[in-house]
N, C-alpha and C. Protein backbone atom coordinates (compact mmCIF):
# COMPACT_ATOMS: atom_id res chain seq x y z
N MET A 1 102.59 93.09 102.48
CA MET A 1 103.08 93.71 103.67
C MET A 1 102.88 95.20 103.51
N THR A 2 102.35 95.87 104.53
CA THR A 2 102.12 97.30 104.46
C THR A 2 102.59 97.96 105.74
N ALA A 3 103.33 99.05 105.58
CA ALA A 3 103.73 99.88 106.71
C ALA A 3 103.49 101.33 106.31
N THR A 4 103.12 102.15 107.27
CA THR A 4 102.88 103.56 106.97
C THR A 4 103.66 104.44 107.94
N ASP A 5 103.95 105.64 107.49
CA ASP A 5 104.64 106.63 108.31
C ASP A 5 103.99 107.98 108.03
N PRO A 6 103.45 108.65 109.05
CA PRO A 6 102.74 109.90 108.81
C PRO A 6 103.64 111.11 108.53
N ASP A 7 104.96 110.93 108.62
CA ASP A 7 105.86 112.05 108.34
C ASP A 7 105.73 112.52 106.91
N GLU A 8 106.08 113.76 106.68
CA GLU A 8 106.05 114.32 105.33
C GLU A 8 107.43 114.21 104.69
N GLY A 9 107.45 114.22 103.37
CA GLY A 9 108.72 114.20 102.64
C GLY A 9 109.43 112.87 102.73
N VAL A 10 110.76 112.93 102.65
CA VAL A 10 111.56 111.71 102.60
C VAL A 10 111.44 110.87 103.88
N ASN A 11 111.18 111.51 105.01
CA ASN A 11 111.04 110.75 106.26
C ASN A 11 109.78 109.90 106.29
N GLY A 12 108.82 110.17 105.43
CA GLY A 12 107.60 109.39 105.37
C GLY A 12 107.64 108.25 104.36
N LEU A 13 108.71 108.18 103.57
CA LEU A 13 108.82 107.10 102.59
C LEU A 13 109.26 105.82 103.27
N VAL A 14 108.58 104.72 102.97
CA VAL A 14 108.89 103.43 103.58
C VAL A 14 109.48 102.51 102.52
N LYS A 15 110.59 101.87 102.84
CA LYS A 15 111.24 100.87 101.97
C LYS A 15 111.23 99.54 102.71
N TYR A 16 111.13 98.46 101.94
CA TYR A 16 111.04 97.12 102.51
C TYR A 16 112.27 96.29 102.12
N SER A 17 112.67 95.39 103.01
CA SER A 17 113.76 94.47 102.70
C SER A 17 113.53 93.17 103.44
N MET A 18 114.08 92.07 102.88
CA MET A 18 114.01 90.77 103.53
C MET A 18 115.25 90.59 104.38
N LYS A 19 115.05 90.08 105.59
CA LYS A 19 116.15 89.81 106.50
C LYS A 19 116.17 88.33 106.84
N LYS A 20 117.35 87.80 107.02
CA LYS A 20 117.52 86.42 107.47
C LYS A 20 116.75 85.42 106.63
N ALA A 21 116.75 85.59 105.32
CA ALA A 21 116.05 84.65 104.44
C ALA A 21 116.94 83.43 104.20
N ALA A 22 116.38 82.24 104.42
CA ALA A 22 117.10 81.01 104.10
C ALA A 22 117.31 80.96 102.59
N ASP A 23 118.30 80.21 102.14
CA ASP A 23 118.61 80.14 100.71
C ASP A 23 117.38 79.77 99.89
N ILE A 24 116.65 78.76 100.31
CA ILE A 24 115.50 78.31 99.53
C ILE A 24 114.40 79.38 99.54
N THR A 25 114.25 80.09 100.65
CA THR A 25 113.24 81.15 100.73
C THR A 25 113.57 82.28 99.77
N ALA A 26 114.84 82.65 99.70
CA ALA A 26 115.26 83.72 98.79
C ALA A 26 115.07 83.32 97.33
N GLU A 27 115.14 82.02 97.04
CA GLU A 27 114.93 81.53 95.68
C GLU A 27 113.45 81.50 95.31
N LEU A 28 112.58 81.39 96.29
CA LEU A 28 111.15 81.23 96.04
C LEU A 28 110.35 82.53 96.04
N PHE A 29 110.77 83.49 96.85
CA PHE A 29 109.98 84.69 97.05
C PHE A 29 110.77 85.94 96.66
N GLN A 30 110.03 86.91 96.12
CA GLN A 30 110.62 88.19 95.76
C GLN A 30 109.83 89.28 96.49
N LEU A 31 110.53 90.23 97.07
CA LEU A 31 109.91 91.33 97.80
C LEU A 31 110.12 92.61 97.01
N ASP A 32 109.03 93.31 96.72
CA ASP A 32 109.12 94.62 96.07
C ASP A 32 109.49 95.63 97.14
N THR A 33 110.65 96.25 97.01
CA THR A 33 111.15 97.16 98.04
C THR A 33 110.33 98.44 98.15
N GLU A 34 109.58 98.78 97.13
CA GLU A 34 108.77 100.00 97.16
C GLU A 34 107.37 99.77 97.73
N THR A 35 106.74 98.65 97.37
CA THR A 35 105.34 98.42 97.75
C THR A 35 105.16 97.42 98.89
N GLY A 36 106.17 96.58 99.14
CA GLY A 36 106.05 95.54 100.17
C GLY A 36 105.37 94.29 99.67
N THR A 37 105.07 94.22 98.38
CA THR A 37 104.41 93.04 97.80
C THR A 37 105.38 91.87 97.77
N ILE A 38 104.90 90.73 98.26
CA ILE A 38 105.69 89.49 98.23
C ILE A 38 105.09 88.61 97.14
N ALA A 39 105.94 88.16 96.22
CA ALA A 39 105.47 87.35 95.09
C ALA A 39 106.31 86.08 94.98
N LEU A 40 105.70 85.05 94.42
CA LEU A 40 106.42 83.81 94.14
C LEU A 40 107.28 83.98 92.90
N VAL A 41 108.50 83.49 92.95
CA VAL A 41 109.40 83.51 91.80
C VAL A 41 109.17 82.26 90.96
N ARG A 42 108.87 81.15 91.63
CA ARG A 42 108.57 79.89 90.95
C ARG A 42 107.55 79.12 91.77
N SER A 43 107.02 78.07 91.22
CA SER A 43 106.01 77.27 91.91
C SER A 43 106.58 76.62 93.16
N LEU A 44 105.73 76.46 94.17
CA LEU A 44 106.14 75.79 95.40
C LEU A 44 106.15 74.28 95.18
N ASP A 45 107.11 73.62 95.79
CA ASP A 45 107.21 72.16 95.75
C ASP A 45 107.14 71.69 97.20
N PHE A 46 106.05 71.03 97.57
CA PHE A 46 105.86 70.62 98.94
C PHE A 46 106.81 69.51 99.37
N GLU A 47 107.57 68.95 98.45
CA GLU A 47 108.62 68.01 98.82
C GLU A 47 109.85 68.76 99.33
N GLU A 48 110.00 70.03 98.94
CA GLU A 48 111.11 70.85 99.44
C GLU A 48 110.79 71.45 100.81
N GLY A 49 109.53 71.73 101.06
CA GLY A 49 109.12 72.30 102.34
C GLY A 49 107.64 72.53 102.38
N ASP A 50 107.04 72.37 103.56
CA ASP A 50 105.59 72.55 103.66
C ASP A 50 105.22 73.91 104.24
N SER A 51 106.21 74.69 104.69
CA SER A 51 105.95 76.06 105.11
C SER A 51 107.26 76.86 105.00
N TYR A 52 107.12 78.17 104.91
CA TYR A 52 108.27 79.04 104.74
C TYR A 52 108.09 80.26 105.64
N GLU A 53 109.18 80.80 106.12
CA GLU A 53 109.13 81.98 106.97
C GLU A 53 110.06 83.06 106.42
N LEU A 54 109.50 84.25 106.28
CA LEU A 54 110.28 85.41 105.83
C LEU A 54 110.31 86.42 106.96
N GLU A 55 111.41 87.12 107.09
CA GLU A 55 111.48 88.24 108.03
C GLU A 55 111.64 89.49 107.18
N VAL A 56 110.63 90.37 107.25
CA VAL A 56 110.60 91.57 106.41
C VAL A 56 110.77 92.80 107.30
N GLN A 57 111.63 93.70 106.85
CA GLN A 57 111.86 94.94 107.59
C GLN A 57 111.32 96.12 106.78
N ALA A 58 110.61 97.01 107.45
CA ALA A 58 110.13 98.26 106.86
C ALA A 58 110.92 99.39 107.52
N ARG A 59 111.51 100.25 106.70
CA ARG A 59 112.35 101.34 107.20
C ARG A 59 111.89 102.65 106.58
N ASP A 60 111.75 103.67 107.41
CA ASP A 60 111.35 104.98 106.88
C ASP A 60 112.58 105.74 106.39
N GLY A 61 112.37 106.94 105.87
CA GLY A 61 113.47 107.75 105.35
C GLY A 61 114.39 108.28 106.43
N GLY A 62 113.98 108.20 107.68
CA GLY A 62 114.81 108.60 108.80
C GLY A 62 115.55 107.39 109.33
N SER A 63 115.45 107.16 110.62
CA SER A 63 116.18 106.05 111.22
C SER A 63 115.26 105.01 111.86
N LEU A 64 113.96 105.13 111.64
CA LEU A 64 113.02 104.21 112.27
C LEU A 64 112.76 102.99 111.38
N PHE A 65 112.58 101.83 112.03
CA PHE A 65 112.26 100.61 111.30
C PHE A 65 111.51 99.67 112.22
N ASP A 66 110.86 98.69 111.60
CA ASP A 66 110.22 97.61 112.33
C ASP A 66 110.32 96.36 111.49
N THR A 67 110.22 95.22 112.14
CA THR A 67 110.38 93.93 111.49
C THR A 67 109.18 93.05 111.79
N ALA A 68 108.76 92.26 110.78
CA ALA A 68 107.64 91.32 110.97
C ALA A 68 108.00 89.99 110.32
N LYS A 69 107.50 88.92 110.91
CA LYS A 69 107.66 87.59 110.33
C LYS A 69 106.42 87.25 109.52
N VAL A 70 106.65 86.72 108.34
CA VAL A 70 105.57 86.29 107.46
C VAL A 70 105.74 84.79 107.26
N THR A 71 104.73 84.02 107.60
CA THR A 71 104.81 82.57 107.45
C THR A 71 103.86 82.12 106.36
């Protein structure tokens, strides 16, 4: 996940967070708050689920943010 902000200084820094993650989703995926990289914490088991949805929010150093769904 990548978001950019053309502002200079602290207002241009973007931080990432997961929103509304189901329990199983939070156990399976890890989000790097600095880079937006989403990584698996453990192997996927298709008996537990055949697809997963994450809601990721990117927030700048000011008050602006946006949200995206990752399936």
